[in-house]
Every structure is written in structure tokens, then in C-alpha cells.
Amino acid sequence: MSWESYEGGYERTRDKNLIRILLQDLKENAFWVQFVAPEFRSGPTILLEIEKSRLLFDLPRPWNPLLEQARVIYRDKEHIMHSFRVRIIETDPEEKLVVTSYPREIYRLERRGYYRISVPEGSEAIFRHRDQQLMADILNISGSGMAILTKKGNSLIVGDEIEDITLNLMVSTGKPFEKPIRIARARVVREQPRDRGRKLYGVHFLIEKEKDREPLIKYTLKRELEMRKVNG
């Protein structure tokens, strides 16, 4: 049983035994799952039953009864994001069930760290540095940090902290993330000169509570799903 590297910072398994174990773990621990499709995201729900060729989920709210296929996403007890694609076989409002196909493969974000993903133009960070408010373009981001490109003449110092950070992120061109992400503190960890007098800085988020990291993980997943949709 094994995972194989896949594009976009994911690992993938098609091993039938491993898929069965992962689904049993999903059911027995009652991890929250969501159904995700273009222009739709269900409310949280749980996996109720595992059959030979079908899965039975508790009917979530909201729900789209016309949905034909979706990606099921969830995080395990180690907060690692997993996903798999299913066909919607049936929606039973009386029994409050959603019946889907059995997945042939399951994906997860690589365990070795938070996956860093590129962001669209228009994504920006606003923050305080030494009592001065600055703005920078975000080039890429993960659950643990980001790379930013400052304006000409705006310099940071490696080792310094920046504070009161607001991240205005785009999911795709012209499509902003659901709301700005706010982070209390971060540290500048590297500097790299760029063209036209601008500088690229690597920034590490100083996050004490894992729940405060959740919006970053959620954005990373949503951005990845958007990229997959565009790339087919």
C-alpha cells in the first residue's frame, strides 16, 4: 500500500486496500466532509455507510439536488487535507441520504509540509513594519508562509517581524477569496533582489493556534481546485 507523488503538491493512491482503510477511518472517526463542485460547496456532513460500489452520506445542508458529480474533501485527525471524486447516484430527501459512487483514487496534500501555491495577480498583503503601513504583492502562499514583492523603495530586514497582516487573495483572475485573511504576526526570513529596484521577501507566519491557520488551508485548497478546473 503506498502513495505516489502527484502534481500540485498532492499525493495520490489507487490502492484498493488503502482506499478501503481510508474510507473506514473517515466513517469511524466521523470526520466532517464537504461536497465541492463549480459554483457549489455543501454544508458539512458525514459518511454513514460503505458498500461494495457505493458510499452513503448524511444529506447536507445546503445541497444541490441536480448535482451529478463532485469532489469530496475532508481533513483527517492530523489535519491533512484529503479529497476524492464521486458521481452522485441518488439523493433521497426522505431518508436524508446522498448516495455516491465508490472512489477509484484518493488525493492528499503532501505530509512533508504545507504546500506552497502560486496566486493570481491582484493578491496583496497589507501590514505594519516598524510603525509604517506597507503593501506588497503576494507571489505564492502556503499554510506556513508566503513570498511577497514589495514596492520600489520599501525595504524589510531579514529577522524583523511584521504585524497586523491582512491578505487580500484572489482565487482566480477577477475572483477574490471569500474574505480577507488576517494574521497577527510573521517574520521575514529571506530577501532576494528583483528587477526595477523591487525586492522579494520570504515570510514565515507566526501562528500559535492551528485554528488560526484554517483559512490559509482553505484558500490553498480552493485555489488548487480552481487551477484544476481551468486546466481540465
C-alpha atoms as a PDB file:
ATOM      1  CA  MET A   1       0.000   0.000   0.000  1.00  0.00           C
ATOM      2  CA  SER A   2       1.504   3.329  -0.967  1.00  0.00           C
ATOM      3  CA  TRP A   3       1.096   6.909  -2.060  1.00  0.00           C
ATOM      4  CA  GLU A   4       2.601   8.287  -5.255  1.00  0.00           C
ATOM      5  CA  SER A   5       3.628  11.866  -5.931  1.00  0.00           C
ATOM      6  CA  TYR A   6       1.161  13.851  -7.992  1.00  0.00           C
ATOM      7  CA  GLU A   7       1.130  17.361  -9.455  1.00  0.00           C
ATOM      8  CA  GLY A   8       0.348  20.446  -7.390  1.00  0.00           C
ATOM      9  CA  GLY A   9       1.881  19.226  -4.138  1.00  0.00           C
ATOM     10  CA  TYR A  10      -0.509  16.288  -3.798  1.00  0.00           C
ATOM     11  CA  GLU A  11      -0.019  12.570  -3.295  1.00  0.00           C
ATOM     12  CA  ARG A  12      -2.382  10.019  -4.854  1.00  0.00           C
ATOM     13  CA  THR A  13      -3.299   6.423  -4.128  1.00  0.00           C
ATOM     14  CA  ARG A  14      -5.194   3.962  -6.308  1.00  0.00           C
ATOM     15  CA  ASP A  15      -4.526   1.047  -3.984  1.00  0.00           C
ATOM     16  CA  LYS A  16      -7.887  -0.598  -3.279  1.00  0.00           C
ATOM     17  CA  ASN A  17      -6.899  -1.781   0.196  1.00  0.00           C
ATOM     18  CA  LEU A  18      -5.578   1.626   1.210  1.00  0.00           C
ATOM     19  CA  ILE A  19      -8.700   3.347  -0.147  1.00  0.00           C
ATOM     20  CA  ARG A  20     -10.849   0.987   1.917  1.00  0.00           C
ATOM     21  CA  ILE A  21      -8.813   1.745   5.053  1.00  0.00           C
ATOM     22  CA  LEU A  22      -9.057   5.496   4.468  1.00  0.00           C
ATOM     23  CA  LEU A  23     -12.824   5.300   3.997  1.00  0.00           C
ATOM     24  CA  GLN A  24     -13.230   3.193   7.141  1.00  0.00           C
ATOM     25  CA  ASP A  25     -11.173   5.772   9.041  1.00  0.00           C
ATOM     26  CA  LEU A  26     -13.342   8.539   7.596  1.00  0.00           C
ATOM     27  CA  LYS A  27     -16.509   6.771   8.708  1.00  0.00           C
ATOM     28  CA  GLU A  28     -15.387   5.576  12.148  1.00  0.00           C
ATOM     29  CA  ASN A  29     -13.978   8.960  13.171  1.00  0.00           C
ATOM     30  CA  ALA A  30     -16.930  10.838  11.698  1.00  0.00           C
ATOM     31  CA  PHE A  31     -14.683  13.443  10.101  1.00  0.00           C
ATOM     32  CA  TRP A  32     -16.627  16.313   8.570  1.00  0.00           C
ATOM     33  CA  VAL A  33     -16.724  16.214   4.773  1.00  0.00           C
ATOM     34  CA  GLN A  34     -17.965  18.646   2.149  1.00  0.00           C
ATOM     35  CA  PHE A  35     -19.037  18.185  -1.458  1.00  0.00           C
ATOM     36  CA  VAL A  36     -17.346  20.701  -3.763  1.00  0.00           C
ATOM     37  CA  ALA A  37     -18.230  21.458  -7.385  1.00  0.00           C
ATOM     38  CA  PRO A  38     -18.049  24.565  -9.611  1.00  0.00           C
ATOM     39  CA  GLU A  39     -20.192  27.290  -8.025  1.00  0.00           C
ATOM     40  CA  PHE A  40     -21.227  24.992  -5.172  1.00  0.00           C
ATOM     41  CA  ARG A  41     -19.981  23.875  -1.760  1.00  0.00           C
ATOM     42  CA  SER A  42     -22.216  21.817   0.504  1.00  0.00           C
ATOM     43  CA  GLY A  43     -22.554  22.139   4.230  1.00  0.00           C
ATOM     44  CA  PRO A  44     -20.566  19.722   6.400  1.00  0.00           C
ATOM     45  CA  THR A  45     -21.763  16.136   6.622  1.00  0.00           C
ATOM     46  CA  ILE A  46     -20.505  12.630   7.487  1.00  0.00           C
ATOM     47  CA  LEU A  47     -20.029   9.291   5.775  1.00  0.00           C
ATOM     48  CA  LEU A  48     -22.623   6.818   7.088  1.00  0.00           C
ATOM     49  CA  GLU A  49     -22.099   3.588   5.179  1.00  0.00           C
ATOM     50  CA  ILE A  50     -19.540   1.971   2.880  1.00  0.00           C
ATOM     51  CA  GLU A  51     -20.879  -0.539   0.387  1.00  0.00           C
ATOM     52  CA  LYS A  52     -19.092  -2.523  -2.312  1.00  0.00           C
ATOM     53  CA  SER A  53     -19.663   0.040  -5.033  1.00  0.00           C
ATOM     54  CA  ARG A  54     -21.384   2.937  -3.230  1.00  0.00           C
ATOM     55  CA  LEU A  55     -20.990   5.383  -0.373  1.00  0.00           C
ATOM     56  CA  LEU A  56     -23.892   6.725   1.709  1.00  0.00           C
ATOM     57  CA  PHE A  57     -23.620  10.191   3.233  1.00  0.00           C
ATOM     58  CA  ASP A  58     -25.935  12.071   5.533  1.00  0.00           C
ATOM     59  CA  LEU A  59     -27.784  14.663   3.423  1.00  0.00           C
ATOM     60  CA  PRO A  60     -26.000  18.011   3.963  1.00  0.00           C
ATOM     61  CA  ARG A  61     -27.480  21.483   4.006  1.00  0.00           C
ATOM     62  CA  PRO A  62     -27.216  23.315   1.729  1.00  0.00           C
ATOM     63  CA  TRP A  63     -27.459  20.734  -1.037  1.00  0.00           C
ATOM     64  CA  ASN A  64     -27.926  20.837  -4.812  1.00  0.00           C
ATOM     65  CA  PRO A  65     -30.286  18.011  -5.892  1.00  0.00           C
ATOM     66  CA  LEU A  66     -29.186  18.484  -9.519  1.00  0.00           C
ATOM     67  CA  LEU A  67     -25.534  17.809  -8.735  1.00  0.00           C
ATOM     68  CA  GLU A  68     -24.120  14.997 -10.901  1.00  0.00           C
ATOM     69  CA  GLN A  69     -20.538  14.800  -9.683  1.00  0.00           C
ATOM     70  CA  ALA A  70     -18.391  16.429  -7.040  1.00  0.00           C
ATOM     71  CA  ARG A  71     -15.159  16.259  -5.130  1.00  0.00           C
ATOM     72  CA  VAL A  72     -15.460  15.152  -1.508  1.00  0.00           C
ATOM     73  CA  ILE A  73     -12.970  16.925   0.758  1.00  0.00           C
ATOM     74  CA  TYR A  74     -12.047  16.343   4.396  1.00  0.00           C
ATOM     75  CA  ARG A  75      -9.203  16.592   6.893  1.00  0.00           C
ATOM     76  CA  ASP A  76      -8.062  13.653   8.991  1.00  0.00           C
ATOM     77  CA  LYS A  77      -7.030  13.700  12.657  1.00  0.00           C
ATOM     78  CA  GLU A  78      -3.622  15.086  11.675  1.00  0.00           C
ATOM     79  CA  HIS A  79      -5.350  17.944   9.804  1.00  0.00           C
ATOM     80  CA  ILE A  80      -4.093  16.676   6.440  1.00  0.00           C
ATOM     81  CA  MET A  81      -6.432  17.541   3.586  1.00  0.00           C
ATOM     82  CA  HIS A  82      -7.830  14.614   1.555  1.00  0.00           C
ATOM     83  CA  SER A  83     -10.134  14.575  -1.459  1.00  0.00           C
ATOM     84  CA  PHE A  84     -11.749  12.149  -3.899  1.00  0.00           C
ATOM     85  CA  ARG A  85     -14.133  12.466  -6.830  1.00  0.00           C
ATOM     86  CA  VAL A  86     -17.538  10.754  -6.932  1.00  0.00           C
ATOM     87  CA  ARG A  87     -20.657  10.572  -9.088  1.00  0.00           C
ATOM     88  CA  ILE A  88     -23.922  11.418  -7.365  1.00  0.00           C
ATOM     89  CA  ILE A  89     -26.115   8.343  -7.868  1.00  0.00           C
ATOM     90  CA  GLU A  90     -29.119   9.388  -5.832  1.00  0.00           C
ATOM     91  CA  THR A  91     -30.433  11.977  -3.411  1.00  0.00           C
ATOM     92  CA  ASP A  92     -33.082  10.634  -1.012  1.00  0.00           C
ATOM     93  CA  PRO A  93     -34.709  13.526   0.883  1.00  0.00           C
ATOM     94  CA  GLU A  94     -36.994  11.181   2.829  1.00  0.00           C
ATOM     95  CA  GLU A  95     -34.143   9.054   4.158  1.00  0.00           C
ATOM     96  CA  LYS A  96     -31.886  12.126   4.227  1.00  0.00           C
ATOM     97  CA  LEU A  97     -29.172  10.392   2.227  1.00  0.00           C
ATOM     98  CA  VAL A  98     -26.800  11.143  -0.603  1.00  0.00           C
ATOM     99  CA  VAL A  99     -25.645   8.034  -2.450  1.00  0.00           C
ATOM    100  CA  THR A 100     -22.429   8.266  -4.470  1.00  0.00           C
ATOM    101  CA  SER A 101     -20.100   6.058  -6.451  1.00  0.00           C
ATOM    102  CA  TYR A 102     -17.110   4.414  -4.768  1.00  0.00           C
ATOM    103  CA  PRO A 103     -13.869   6.358  -5.348  1.00  0.00           C
ATOM    104  CA  ARG A 104     -11.138   4.868  -7.523  1.00  0.00           C
ATOM    105  CA  GLU A 105      -8.430   7.155  -6.152  1.00  0.00           C
ATOM    106  CA  ILE A 106      -7.840   9.446  -3.182  1.00  0.00           C
ATOM    107  CA  TYR A 107      -5.601  12.512  -3.038  1.00  0.00           C
ATOM    108  CA  ARG A 108      -3.967  14.191  -0.067  1.00  0.00           C
ATOM    109  CA  LEU A 109      -1.685  17.146   0.427  1.00  0.00           C
ATOM    110  CA  GLU A 110       1.903  16.036   0.900  1.00  0.00           C
ATOM    111  CA  ARG A 111       2.685  15.219   4.515  1.00  0.00           C
ATOM    112  CA  ARG A 112       6.146  16.764   4.451  1.00  0.00           C
ATOM    113  CA  GLY A 113       4.819  20.295   4.891  1.00  0.00           C
ATOM    114  CA  TYR A 114       2.328  22.908   3.822  1.00  0.00           C
ATOM    115  CA  TYR A 115       2.038  23.062   0.069  1.00  0.00           C
ATOM    116  CA  ARG A 116       3.011  26.420  -1.422  1.00  0.00           C
ATOM    117  CA  ILE A 117       0.821  27.549  -4.299  1.00  0.00           C
ATOM    118  CA  SER A 118       1.099  30.445  -6.737  1.00  0.00           C
ATOM    119  CA  VAL A 119      -1.584  33.106  -6.528  1.00  0.00           C
ATOM    120  CA  PRO A 120      -3.205  35.239  -9.264  1.00  0.00           C
ATOM    121  CA  GLU A 121      -2.309  38.846  -9.931  1.00  0.00           C
ATOM    122  CA  GLY A 122      -4.163  41.239  -7.670  1.00  0.00           C
ATOM    123  CA  SER A 123      -3.381  39.305  -4.486  1.00  0.00           C
ATOM    124  CA  GLU A 124      -1.834  41.665  -1.967  1.00  0.00           C
ATOM    125  CA  ALA A 125      -0.654  41.872   1.633  1.00  0.00           C
ATOM    126  CA  ILE A 126      -1.095  44.926   3.850  1.00  0.00           C
ATOM    127  CA  PHE A 127       0.938  45.014   7.071  1.00  0.00           C
ATOM    128  CA  ARG A 128       2.822  47.122   9.606  1.00  0.00           C
ATOM    129  CA  HIS A 129       6.608  47.178   9.754  1.00  0.00           C
ATOM    130  CA  ARG A 130       8.368  49.434  12.244  1.00  0.00           C
ATOM    131  CA  ASP A 131       5.275  51.613  12.682  1.00  0.00           C
ATOM    132  CA  GLN A 132       4.858  52.038   8.948  1.00  0.00           C
ATOM    133  CA  GLN A 133       1.995  50.535   6.942  1.00  0.00           C
ATOM    134  CA  LEU A 134       3.164  48.857   3.754  1.00  0.00           C
ATOM    135  CA  MET A 135       1.595  46.952   0.885  1.00  0.00           C
ATOM    136  CA  ALA A 136       3.169  44.187  -1.202  1.00  0.00           C
ATOM    137  CA  ASP A 137       2.152  41.823  -3.985  1.00  0.00           C
ATOM    138  CA  ILE A 138       1.784  38.180  -2.951  1.00  0.00           C
ATOM    139  CA  LEU A 139       3.516  35.739  -5.325  1.00  0.00           C
ATOM    140  CA  ASN A 140       2.771  32.466  -3.559  1.00  0.00           C
ATOM    141  CA  ILE A 141       1.420  31.273  -0.237  1.00  0.00           C
ATOM    142  CA  SER A 142       1.046  28.231   1.999  1.00  0.00           C
ATOM    143  CA  GLY A 143      -0.238  27.439   5.459  1.00  0.00           C
ATOM    144  CA  SER A 144       3.127  28.429   6.919  1.00  0.00           C
ATOM    145  CA  GLY A 145       4.280  31.435   4.915  1.00  0.00           C
ATOM    146  CA  MET A 146       4.336  33.442   1.712  1.00  0.00           C
ATOM    147  CA  ALA A 147       6.578  35.172  -0.789  1.00  0.00           C
ATOM    148  CA  ILE A 148       5.891  38.873  -1.317  1.00  0.00           C
ATOM    149  CA  LEU A 149       7.203  41.505  -3.692  1.00  0.00           C
ATOM    150  CA  THR A 150       7.469  44.962  -2.159  1.00  0.00           C
ATOM    151  CA  LYS A 151       7.093  48.262  -3.963  1.00  0.00           C
ATOM    152  CA  LYS A 152      10.221  50.114  -5.070  1.00  0.00           C
ATOM    153  CA  GLY A 153      11.783  51.869  -2.091  1.00  0.00           C
ATOM    154  CA  ASN A 154      10.040  49.700   0.512  1.00  0.00           C
ATOM    155  CA  SER A 155      12.601  47.510   2.257  1.00  0.00           C
ATOM    156  CA  LEU A 156      12.268  44.965   5.053  1.00  0.00           C
ATOM    157  CA  ILE A 157      15.014  43.465   7.198  1.00  0.00           C
ATOM    158  CA  VAL A 158      15.573  39.734   7.478  1.00  0.00           C
ATOM    159  CA  GLY A 159      14.792  38.715  11.053  1.00  0.00           C
ATOM    160  CA  ASP A 160      12.297  41.537  11.624  1.00  0.00           C
ATOM    161  CA  GLU A 161       8.659  40.872  12.390  1.00  0.00           C
ATOM    162  CA  ILE A 162       5.712  42.340  10.519  1.00  0.00           C
ATOM    163  CA  GLU A 163       2.345  42.751  12.231  1.00  0.00           C
ATOM    164  CA  ASP A 164      -1.392  43.272  11.665  1.00  0.00           C
ATOM    165  CA  ILE A 165      -1.265  41.454   8.329  1.00  0.00           C
ATOM    166  CA  THR A 166      -4.267  41.461   6.013  1.00  0.00           C
ATOM    167  CA  LEU A 167      -4.169  39.147   2.991  1.00  0.00           C
ATOM    168  CA  ASN A 168      -6.452  40.059   0.100  1.00  0.00           C
ATOM    169  CA  LEU A 169      -6.244  36.924  -2.017  1.00  0.00           C
ATOM    170  CA  MET A 170      -7.625  36.124  -5.443  1.00  0.00           C
ATOM    171  CA  VAL A 171      -8.846  32.608  -6.261  1.00  0.00           C
ATOM    172  CA  SER A 172      -8.605  33.334  -9.983  1.00  0.00           C
ATOM    173  CA  THR A 173      -8.310  36.458 -12.115  1.00  0.00           C
ATOM    174  CA  GLY A 174     -11.071  38.842 -11.052  1.00  0.00           C
ATOM    175  CA  LYS A 175     -12.424  36.401  -8.443  1.00  0.00           C
ATOM    176  CA  PRO A 176     -11.492  37.256  -4.825  1.00  0.00           C
ATOM    177  CA  PHE A 177     -11.404  34.761  -1.970  1.00  0.00           C
ATOM    178  CA  GLU A 178     -14.486  34.826   0.252  1.00  0.00           C
ATOM    179  CA  LYS A 179     -12.948  37.295   2.724  1.00  0.00           C
ATOM    180  CA  PRO A 180      -9.562  38.789   3.709  1.00  0.00           C
ATOM    181  CA  ILE A 181      -7.345  36.594   5.883  1.00  0.00           C
ATOM    182  CA  ARG A 182      -5.836  38.260   8.939  1.00  0.00           C
ATOM    183  CA  ILE A 183      -2.640  37.160  10.655  1.00  0.00           C
ATOM    184  CA  ALA A 184      -1.254  38.820  13.766  1.00  0.00           C
ATOM    185  CA  ARG A 185       2.491  38.343  13.249  1.00  0.00           C
ATOM    186  CA  ALA A 186       5.058  36.977  10.828  1.00  0.00           C
ATOM    187  CA  ARG A 187       8.831  37.008  10.436  1.00  0.00           C
ATOM    188  CA  VAL A 188      10.915  37.971   7.406  1.00  0.00           C
ATOM    189  CA  VAL A 189      13.222  35.011   6.710  1.00  0.00           C
ATOM    190  CA  ARG A 190      14.896  35.800   3.380  1.00  0.00           C
ATOM    191  CA  GLU A 191      15.492  38.578   0.864  1.00  0.00           C
ATOM    192  CA  GLN A 192      16.111  38.444  -2.877  1.00  0.00           C
ATOM    193  CA  PRO A 193      16.648  41.467  -5.148  1.00  0.00           C
ATOM    194  CA  ARG A 194      14.391  41.689  -8.199  1.00  0.00           C
ATOM    195  CA  ASP A 195      14.130  43.954 -11.216  1.00  0.00           C
ATOM    196  CA  ARG A 196      13.336  47.673 -11.089  1.00  0.00           C
ATOM    197  CA  GLY A 197      14.515  48.149  -7.543  1.00  0.00           C
ATOM    198  CA  ARG A 198      11.936  45.801  -6.035  1.00  0.00           C
ATOM    199  CA  LYS A 199      12.699  43.005  -3.561  1.00  0.00           C
ATOM    200  CA  LEU A 200      11.214  39.595  -2.928  1.00  0.00           C
ATOM    201  CA  TYR A 201      10.866  38.519   0.704  1.00  0.00           C
ATOM    202  CA  GLY A 202      10.119  35.131   2.197  1.00  0.00           C
ATOM    203  CA  VAL A 203       7.804  35.494   5.181  1.00  0.00           C
ATOM    204  CA  HIS A 204       7.077  32.863   7.848  1.00  0.00           C
ATOM    205  CA  PHE A 205       3.743  33.123   9.667  1.00  0.00           C
ATOM    206  CA  LEU A 206       3.967  33.084  13.484  1.00  0.00           C
ATOM    207  CA  ILE A 207       0.711  31.272  14.175  1.00  0.00           C
ATOM    208  CA  GLU A 208       0.190  29.911  17.693  1.00  0.00           C
ATOM    209  CA  LYS A 209      -3.209  28.218  17.320  1.00  0.00           C
ATOM    210  CA  GLU A 210      -3.861  25.786  14.491  1.00  0.00           C
ATOM    211  CA  LYS A 211      -7.435  27.024  14.094  1.00  0.00           C
ATOM    212  CA  ASP A 212      -5.993  30.379  13.010  1.00  0.00           C
ATOM    213  CA  ARG A 213      -4.253  28.554  10.146  1.00  0.00           C
ATOM    214  CA  GLU A 214      -7.505  27.078   8.807  1.00  0.00           C
ATOM    215  CA  PRO A 215      -8.383  29.997   6.461  1.00  0.00           C
ATOM    216  CA  LEU A 216      -4.974  29.606   4.786  1.00  0.00           C
ATOM    217  CA  ILE A 217      -5.501  25.869   4.252  1.00  0.00           C
ATOM    218  CA  LYS A 218      -8.996  26.531   2.969  1.00  0.00           C
ATOM    219  CA  TYR A 219      -7.698  29.107   0.489  1.00  0.00           C
ATOM    220  CA  THR A 220      -4.918  26.764  -0.680  1.00  0.00           C
ATOM    221  CA  LEU A 221      -7.440  24.022  -1.400  1.00  0.00           C
ATOM    222  CA  LYS A 222      -9.882  26.366  -3.133  1.00  0.00           C
ATOM    223  CA  ARG A 223      -7.117  27.863  -5.273  1.00  0.00           C
ATOM    224  CA  GLU A 224      -5.916  24.373  -6.224  1.00  0.00           C
ATOM    225  CA  LEU A 225      -9.446  23.308  -7.187  1.00  0.00           C
ATOM    226  CA  GLU A 226      -9.782  26.442  -9.315  1.00  0.00           C
ATOM    227  CA  MET A 227      -6.499  25.668 -11.077  1.00  0.00           C
ATOM    228  CA  ARG A 228      -7.601  22.088 -11.740  1.00  0.00           C
ATOM    229  CA  LYS A 229     -10.878  23.349 -13.188  1.00  0.00           C
ATOM    230  CA  VAL A 230      -9.090  25.754 -15.533  1.00  0.00           C
ATOM    231  CA  ASN A 231      -6.545  23.132 -16.599  1.00  0.00           C
ATOM    232  CA  GLY A 232      -9.234  20.493 -17.110  1.00  0.00           C
END
